[in-house]
Amino acid sequence: MTFNPNTEVALLKAQTKLRARKRHKSSKLDKYRTQLCKLYDAGATKAELQRWLAMRGIFVQWTTVKRWLDKNA
């Protein structure tokens, strides 16, 4: 049997799809989705949203807020 790189790559990609299942753990911020989106649309900065969350007992870095907004807002 001869070596076919296209066949080997297809086999590797198929194995990767089986191995690399997406794992999605819900974020602490999902509970506050509506409020965060409304505050952000009203002009609040990411650091201000971080402080708003901290007042409610949710302690996260502002970069976490940024990543969450990038995905959800």
Protein backbone atom coordinates (compact mmCIF):
# COMPACT_ATOMS: atom_id res chain seq x y z
CA MET A 1 0.00 0.00 0.00
CA THR A 2 1.39 3.42 -0.93
CA PHE A 3 1.48 6.40 1.34
CA ASN A 4 -1.26 8.92 0.55
CA PRO A 5 -0.88 12.16 2.57
CA ASN A 6 -4.44 13.29 1.80
CA THR A 7 -5.87 10.09 3.25
CA GLU A 8 -3.68 10.39 6.33
CA VAL A 9 -4.70 14.02 6.90
CA ALA A 10 -8.39 13.10 6.53
CA LEU A 11 -7.92 10.32 9.09
CA LEU A 12 -6.17 12.66 11.52
CA LYS A 13 -8.88 15.32 11.15
CA ALA A 14 -11.59 12.72 11.80
CA GLN A 15 -9.76 11.63 14.97
CA THR A 16 -9.41 15.24 16.07
CA LYS A 17 -13.17 15.80 15.75
CA LEU A 18 -13.81 12.84 18.00
CA ARG A 19 -11.28 13.97 20.60
CA ALA A 20 -11.89 17.72 20.66
CA ARG A 21 -15.40 17.92 22.00
CA LYS A 22 -16.40 21.36 23.13
CA ARG A 23 -16.81 21.60 26.86
CA HIS A 24 -19.00 24.46 27.90
CA LYS A 25 -19.28 25.32 31.53
CA SER A 26 -21.79 28.04 32.20
CA SER A 27 -20.32 31.34 33.28
CA LYS A 28 -21.03 33.07 36.58
CA LEU A 29 -21.99 36.06 34.45
CA ASP A 30 -24.77 34.25 32.54
CA LYS A 31 -27.09 34.81 35.49
CA TYR A 32 -26.72 38.58 34.97
CA ARG A 33 -26.92 38.55 31.14
CA THR A 34 -29.81 41.00 30.82
CA GLN A 35 -28.46 43.51 33.33
CA LEU A 36 -24.90 43.39 31.97
CA CYS A 37 -26.00 43.89 28.38
CA LYS A 38 -28.28 46.80 29.31
CA LEU A 39 -25.59 48.48 31.42
CA TYR A 40 -23.00 48.02 28.66
CA ASP A 41 -25.38 49.42 26.02
CA ALA A 42 -26.03 52.39 28.32
CA GLY A 43 -22.32 53.20 28.31
CA ALA A 44 -20.81 51.40 31.30
CA THR A 45 -17.18 50.38 30.89
CA LYS A 46 -15.95 46.86 31.48
CA ALA A 47 -14.24 47.95 34.71
CA GLU A 48 -17.49 49.54 35.89
CA LEU A 49 -19.33 46.31 35.14
CA GLN A 50 -16.69 44.44 37.13
CA ARG A 51 -17.35 46.72 40.11
CA TRP A 52 -21.14 46.33 39.64
CA LEU A 53 -20.72 42.56 39.80
CA ALA A 54 -18.44 42.83 42.86
CA MET A 55 -21.17 44.76 44.70
CA ARG A 56 -23.35 41.68 44.13
CA GLY A 57 -20.71 39.23 45.37
CA ILE A 58 -19.40 38.12 41.95
CA PHE A 59 -15.64 38.66 41.91
CA VAL A 60 -14.10 38.40 38.44
CA GLN A 61 -11.34 40.21 36.57
CA TRP A 62 -12.33 42.88 34.07
CA THR A 63 -10.79 40.73 31.33
CA THR A 64 -13.36 38.05 32.18
CA VAL A 65 -16.08 40.65 31.71
CA LYS A 66 -14.48 41.67 28.40
CA ARG A 67 -14.36 38.08 27.10
CA TRP A 68 -17.94 37.46 28.23
CA LEU A 69 -19.15 40.63 26.50
CA ASP A 70 -17.27 39.73 23.32
CA LYS A 71 -19.18 36.45 23.19
CA ASN A 72 -22.58 37.53 24.52
CA ALA A 73 -23.22 41.24 23.93
